Protein backbone atom coordinates (compact mmCIF):
# COMPACT_ATOMS: atom_id res chain seq x y z
CA MET A 1 -68.42 116.45 -173.98
CA SER A 2 -71.74 117.37 -175.58
CA LEU A 3 -74.10 114.75 -176.95
CA LEU A 4 -76.03 117.35 -178.91
CA LEU A 5 -75.46 117.87 -182.61
CA PRO A 6 -74.50 121.35 -183.76
CA LEU A 7 -77.27 123.33 -185.42
CA GLY A 8 -77.63 122.47 -189.07
CA SER A 9 -75.98 119.06 -188.74
CA VAL A 10 -77.77 115.87 -189.66
CA ALA A 11 -77.12 112.53 -188.06
CA GLY A 12 -76.43 109.75 -190.53
CA PRO A 13 -78.46 106.57 -190.63
CA LEU A 14 -77.81 104.05 -187.90
CA ASP A 15 -75.81 100.95 -188.85
CA GLY A 16 -78.01 97.98 -187.93
CA ALA A 17 -75.17 95.48 -188.37
CA ALA A 18 -72.88 97.41 -186.02
CA ILE A 19 -75.63 97.81 -183.43
CA TYR A 20 -76.49 94.09 -183.65
CA SER A 21 -72.85 93.15 -183.01
CA GLY A 22 -72.25 95.85 -180.42
CA LYS A 23 -75.31 95.00 -178.34
CA THR A 24 -74.22 91.34 -178.14
CA CYS A 25 -77.14 90.00 -180.23
CA ALA A 26 -74.72 87.86 -182.24
CA THR A 27 -73.64 86.05 -179.08
CA CYS A 28 -76.93 84.12 -179.00
CA HIS A 29 -78.40 84.57 -182.49
CA GLY A 30 -75.20 84.21 -184.52
CA ILE A 31 -73.35 86.85 -186.53
CA ASP A 32 -75.65 86.19 -189.50
CA GLY A 33 -78.81 86.06 -187.38
CA ASP A 34 -79.34 82.49 -188.55
CA THR A 35 -76.99 80.42 -186.41
CA PRO A 36 -78.35 80.65 -182.87
CA THR A 37 -76.49 78.96 -180.04
CA ARG A 38 -79.64 77.08 -178.98
CA THR A 39 -82.27 75.43 -181.13
CA ASP A 40 -85.10 77.23 -179.33
CA TYR A 41 -83.70 80.68 -180.18
CA PRO A 42 -85.30 82.23 -183.26
CA LEU A 43 -83.67 82.63 -186.64
CA LEU A 44 -83.52 86.37 -187.30
CA GLY A 45 -81.89 86.61 -190.73
CA GLY A 46 -84.45 87.50 -193.38
CA GLN A 47 -87.19 88.13 -190.84
CA ASN A 48 -89.79 90.75 -191.82
CA ALA A 49 -88.47 94.07 -190.50
CA ASP A 50 -91.77 95.28 -189.06
CA TYR A 51 -92.36 91.96 -187.31
CA ALA A 52 -88.83 91.88 -185.84
CA TYR A 53 -89.14 95.50 -184.69
CA ALA A 54 -92.51 94.81 -183.04
CA GLN A 55 -91.07 91.78 -181.23
CA MET A 56 -88.18 93.85 -179.88
CA ILE A 57 -90.58 96.56 -178.67
CA ASP A 58 -92.83 93.95 -177.03
CA ILE A 59 -89.89 92.26 -175.31
CA LYS A 60 -88.61 95.57 -173.97
CA SER A 61 -92.05 96.60 -172.67
CA GLY A 62 -92.80 93.18 -171.16
CA GLU A 63 -95.75 92.61 -173.51
CA ARG A 64 -93.95 89.54 -174.89
CA ASN A 65 -93.14 87.31 -171.97
CA ASN A 66 -91.85 83.79 -172.54
CA ARG A 67 -88.95 81.80 -171.14
CA GLN A 68 -86.33 83.70 -173.16
CA SER A 69 -87.81 87.16 -172.71
CA ALA A 70 -86.22 87.81 -169.30
CA ALA A 71 -82.73 87.53 -170.76
CA MET A 72 -83.75 89.44 -173.88
CA ARG A 73 -85.30 92.23 -171.82
CA GLN A 74 -81.91 92.86 -170.20
CA VAL A 75 -80.40 93.44 -173.65
CA MET A 76 -83.36 95.39 -175.04
CA ASN A 77 -83.30 97.77 -172.08
CA VAL A 78 -80.08 99.27 -173.45
CA VAL A 79 -81.34 99.49 -177.05
CA SER A 80 -83.25 102.55 -178.27
CA GLU A 81 -86.26 102.28 -180.57
CA ALA A 82 -84.20 103.83 -183.38
CA GLU A 83 -81.52 101.17 -182.86
CA MET A 84 -84.19 98.44 -182.84
CA ARG A 85 -85.52 99.74 -186.16
CA ALA A 86 -82.03 99.82 -187.68
CA MET A 87 -81.34 96.24 -186.56
CA ALA A 88 -84.71 95.01 -187.81
CA ASP A 89 -84.17 96.67 -191.19
CA TRP A 90 -80.69 95.15 -191.46
CA LEU A 91 -81.80 91.66 -190.41
CA ALA A 92 -84.49 91.73 -193.11
CA THR A 93 -81.79 92.08 -195.78
CA LEU A 94 -79.88 88.95 -194.78
CA LYS A 95 -81.66 86.40 -196.98
């Protein structure tokens, strides 16, 4: 099975909602990004897309390091930057 696209084909835009659900983000942050399972988890729905994207990048790189970042880093390590951008853009539309 090839992961390469045939010449002349164009990949469609990534579905931020599907990525968010598929990467288990909803498990802690809620399906709507605004109903986290713990009060110290951030509300993500309606968050500025650039800010949310930067936070995901910083968590993945280790630049952001707080008590929740270790668990988040495990998730972010399997999320590409393009997927992060798609999720951030989608989350920004939720309010």
